[in-house]
């Protein structure tokens, strides 16, 4: 049975890495993930909107979350910033009933939507490891990477509750995925440490 998610391509697919937009649908299909477009989803703000107007960022993200919730689907994204920011704002809304009520008031008046908070946000990395399994990922590899690769997690998706079953303080999912794809996983700084070793 295919996994089914509301698909939010995230900021990265629209700006710095458009190849993500091209590769995500076929990659998801090959892994048995059905992507349902999250039409009308906005940018997560990438933490930048929050600097100028925190309420605006929370409300925009609540709208995106409510859209997925109205579809009865959790969100999947390949963008670390989107995964992290949506998760962070969802957690804030779940933990603060007053903020949720104020946000829902604005949402209902402007879009007709409200957010209950039943939706979840998942990064593609965590779905691949936790839901699909690296054995299935490895079985689908047609062109092994055969390179030394260091994954960069970044701060956005390495938050408590936002990183699947990975260790928030000592993550290793990227390394596991790199190995499953045929590469040699390296930790950032390993090469420098090796050069300094006698």
Protein backbone atom coordinates (compact mmCIF):
# COMPACT_ATOMS: atom_id res chain seq x y z
CA UNK A 1 0.00 0.00 0.00
CA UNK A 2 1.35 3.42 -0.97
CA UNK A 3 2.06 6.03 1.64
CA UNK A 4 -0.02 9.12 0.89
CA UNK A 5 1.01 12.65 1.86
CA UNK A 6 0.09 16.23 1.11
CA UNK A 7 3.16 17.44 -0.79
CA UNK A 8 4.75 20.78 0.07
CA UNK A 9 7.77 21.25 -2.18
CA UNK A 10 9.23 23.88 0.14
CA UNK A 11 11.25 26.97 -0.60
CA UNK A 12 14.30 25.08 -1.80
CA UNK A 13 12.50 23.62 -4.82
CA UNK A 14 11.39 27.07 -5.94
CA UNK A 15 14.64 28.95 -5.49
CA UNK A 16 18.07 27.54 -4.75
CA UNK A 17 17.60 23.94 -5.94
CA UNK A 18 14.91 23.63 -8.64
CA UNK A 19 16.19 20.13 -9.42
CA UNK A 20 14.43 19.04 -6.22
CA UNK A 21 11.09 19.90 -7.85
CA UNK A 22 12.03 17.74 -10.84
CA UNK A 23 13.32 14.72 -8.92
CA UNK A 24 10.95 14.49 -5.96
CA UNK A 25 7.85 13.14 -7.79
CA UNK A 26 9.63 10.28 -9.61
CA UNK A 27 11.70 9.42 -6.53
CA UNK A 28 8.57 9.32 -4.39
CA UNK A 29 6.76 7.18 -6.95
CA UNK A 30 9.61 4.66 -7.04
CA UNK A 31 9.41 4.35 -3.25
CA UNK A 32 5.64 3.93 -3.14
CA UNK A 33 4.86 7.42 -1.87
CA UNK A 34 1.79 9.10 -3.34
CA UNK A 35 2.20 12.87 -3.38
CA UNK A 36 -1.03 14.87 -3.35
CA UNK A 37 -0.31 18.50 -4.26
CA UNK A 38 -0.92 20.91 -1.40
CA UNK A 39 -2.44 23.54 -3.67
CA UNK A 40 -2.34 27.02 -2.25
CA UNK A 41 0.40 26.32 0.29
CA UNK A 42 2.58 29.32 0.97
CA UNK A 43 6.23 29.66 1.84
CA UNK A 44 7.01 28.59 5.40
CA UNK A 45 8.75 31.93 5.88
CA UNK A 46 12.06 30.16 6.52
CA UNK A 47 12.23 31.98 9.85
CA UNK A 48 12.71 35.27 8.01
CA UNK A 49 9.11 36.47 8.13
CA UNK A 50 9.11 35.73 11.87
CA UNK A 51 11.84 38.34 12.38
CA UNK A 52 9.53 41.07 11.10
CA UNK A 53 6.11 39.69 12.04
CA UNK A 54 5.84 36.52 14.12
CA UNK A 55 2.03 36.48 13.98
CA UNK A 56 2.10 36.60 10.18
CA UNK A 57 4.45 33.62 9.91
CA UNK A 58 2.45 31.54 12.39
CA UNK A 59 -0.80 32.37 10.58
CA UNK A 60 0.59 31.59 7.12
CA UNK A 61 1.94 28.27 8.36
CA UNK A 62 -1.31 27.51 10.19
CA UNK A 63 -3.12 28.02 6.88
CA UNK A 64 -0.83 25.51 5.15
CA UNK A 65 -1.29 23.05 8.01
CA UNK A 66 -5.07 23.54 7.91
CA UNK A 67 -5.11 22.89 4.14
CA UNK A 68 -3.41 19.51 4.68
CA UNK A 69 -5.64 18.76 7.65
CA UNK A 70 -8.73 19.45 5.50
CA UNK A 71 -7.39 16.86 3.03
CA UNK A 72 -6.98 14.34 5.85
CA UNK A 73 -3.27 14.03 5.09
CA UNK A 74 0.04 14.65 6.82
CA UNK A 75 2.60 16.83 5.05
CA UNK A 76 5.82 15.62 3.41
CA UNK A 77 8.54 17.98 2.20
CA UNK A 78 12.10 17.64 0.93
CA UNK A 79 12.95 21.07 2.38
CA UNK A 80 14.59 21.19 5.80
CA UNK A 81 13.48 24.78 6.42
CA UNK A 82 9.87 23.98 5.56
CA UNK A 83 9.84 20.83 7.71
CA UNK A 84 11.39 22.65 10.65
CA UNK A 85 9.34 25.84 10.46
CA UNK A 86 6.01 24.09 9.95
CA UNK A 87 6.79 21.72 12.82
CA UNK A 88 7.88 24.57 15.09
CA UNK A 89 4.74 26.61 14.43
CA UNK A 90 2.49 23.55 14.74
CA UNK A 91 4.06 22.79 18.12
CA UNK A 92 3.54 26.38 19.26
CA UNK A 93 -0.10 26.27 18.20
CA UNK A 94 -0.70 22.93 19.93
CA UNK A 95 0.98 24.15 23.12
CA UNK A 96 -0.73 27.56 23.27
CA UNK A 97 -4.56 27.38 23.12
CA UNK A 98 -4.84 31.18 23.10
CA UNK A 99 -2.50 31.49 20.11
CA UNK A 100 -4.43 28.71 18.34
CA UNK A 101 -7.76 30.45 19.01
CA UNK A 102 -6.48 33.81 17.73
CA UNK A 103 -4.94 32.19 14.67
CA UNK A 104 -8.09 30.20 13.93
CA UNK A 105 -10.15 33.39 14.19
CA UNK A 106 -8.03 34.99 11.46
CA UNK A 107 -8.00 31.81 9.36
CA UNK A 108 -11.74 31.35 9.53
CA UNK A 109 -12.46 34.97 8.63
CA UNK A 110 -10.00 35.01 5.72
CA UNK A 111 -10.05 31.46 4.34
CA UNK A 112 -12.92 29.57 5.97
CA UNK A 113 -10.39 27.09 7.39
CA UNK A 114 -9.53 26.25 10.98
CA UNK A 115 -6.72 24.18 12.41
CA UNK A 116 -7.29 21.42 14.95
CA UNK A 117 -3.65 20.40 15.14
CA UNK A 118 -4.11 16.76 14.09
CA UNK A 119 -1.76 17.06 11.10
CA UNK A 120 1.93 16.10 11.22
CA UNK A 121 4.90 17.32 9.20
CA UNK A 122 7.52 14.93 7.84
CA UNK A 123 10.80 15.50 6.05
CA UNK A 124 11.49 13.11 3.18
CA UNK A 125 14.63 11.83 4.92
CA UNK A 126 12.67 10.65 7.95
CA UNK A 127 9.94 9.05 5.82
CA UNK A 128 12.59 7.14 3.86
CA UNK A 129 14.22 5.76 6.99
CA UNK A 130 11.27 5.39 9.39
CA UNK A 131 8.35 4.56 7.08
CA UNK A 132 9.81 2.99 3.94
CA UNK A 133 12.96 1.43 5.33
CA UNK A 134 16.49 1.63 4.02
CA UNK A 135 16.32 -1.94 2.71
CA UNK A 136 13.62 -0.89 0.23
CA UNK A 137 15.52 2.29 -0.64
CA UNK A 138 18.68 0.27 -1.30
CA UNK A 139 16.74 -2.23 -3.44
CA UNK A 140 15.59 0.66 -5.68
CA UNK A 141 19.09 2.04 -6.34
CA UNK A 142 19.95 1.83 -10.05
CA UNK A 143 23.06 4.03 -10.13
CA UNK A 144 24.96 3.80 -6.83
CA UNK A 145 26.55 7.06 -5.71
CA UNK A 146 30.05 5.62 -5.09
CA UNK A 147 31.28 8.90 -3.62
CA UNK A 148 32.29 10.17 -0.23
CA UNK A 149 29.50 12.40 0.97
CA UNK A 150 28.93 14.40 4.13
CA UNK A 151 25.29 15.17 4.84
CA UNK A 152 24.31 18.50 6.35
CA UNK A 153 21.32 18.40 8.66
CA UNK A 154 21.04 22.06 9.54
CA UNK A 155 19.16 23.38 12.54
CA UNK A 156 15.64 23.41 11.10
CA UNK A 157 14.70 19.76 11.09
CA UNK A 158 16.89 18.66 14.01
CA UNK A 159 14.38 19.67 16.66
CA UNK A 160 12.81 17.46 19.27
CA UNK A 161 9.82 15.81 17.61
CA UNK A 162 10.72 16.99 14.10
CA UNK A 163 13.37 14.44 13.18
CA UNK A 164 11.50 11.16 13.17
CA UNK A 165 13.20 8.54 15.30
CA UNK A 166 16.65 10.01 14.61
CA UNK A 167 18.73 11.28 17.52
CA UNK A 168 18.26 15.03 17.74
CA UNK A 169 21.71 15.54 19.29
CA UNK A 170 23.67 12.94 17.32
CA UNK A 171 21.77 12.38 14.07
CA UNK A 172 22.75 9.57 11.74
CA UNK A 173 19.89 9.18 9.24
CA UNK A 174 21.76 11.00 6.47
CA UNK A 175 24.74 8.72 6.93
CA UNK A 176 22.51 5.64 6.84
CA UNK A 177 20.80 6.89 3.67
CA UNK A 178 24.10 7.74 1.96
CA UNK A 179 25.34 4.19 2.62
CA UNK A 180 22.05 2.71 1.33
CA UNK A 181 22.47 4.73 -1.88
CA UNK A 182 25.94 3.26 -2.41
CA UNK A 183 27.97 6.17 -1.10
CA UNK A 184 30.52 6.44 1.67
CA UNK A 185 29.14 8.53 4.51
CA UNK A 186 31.46 11.08 6.08
CA UNK A 187 30.78 13.34 9.01
CA UNK A 188 31.50 17.02 8.50
CA UNK A 189 35.00 17.63 9.85
CA UNK A 190 36.18 14.00 9.55
CA UNK A 191 38.51 14.74 6.66
CA UNK A 192 40.08 17.67 8.51
CA UNK A 193 40.53 15.52 11.59
CA UNK A 194 42.23 12.82 9.49
CA UNK A 195 44.63 15.36 8.01
CA UNK A 196 45.67 16.49 11.49
CA UNK A 197 46.23 12.96 12.75
CA UNK A 198 49.88 11.81 12.90
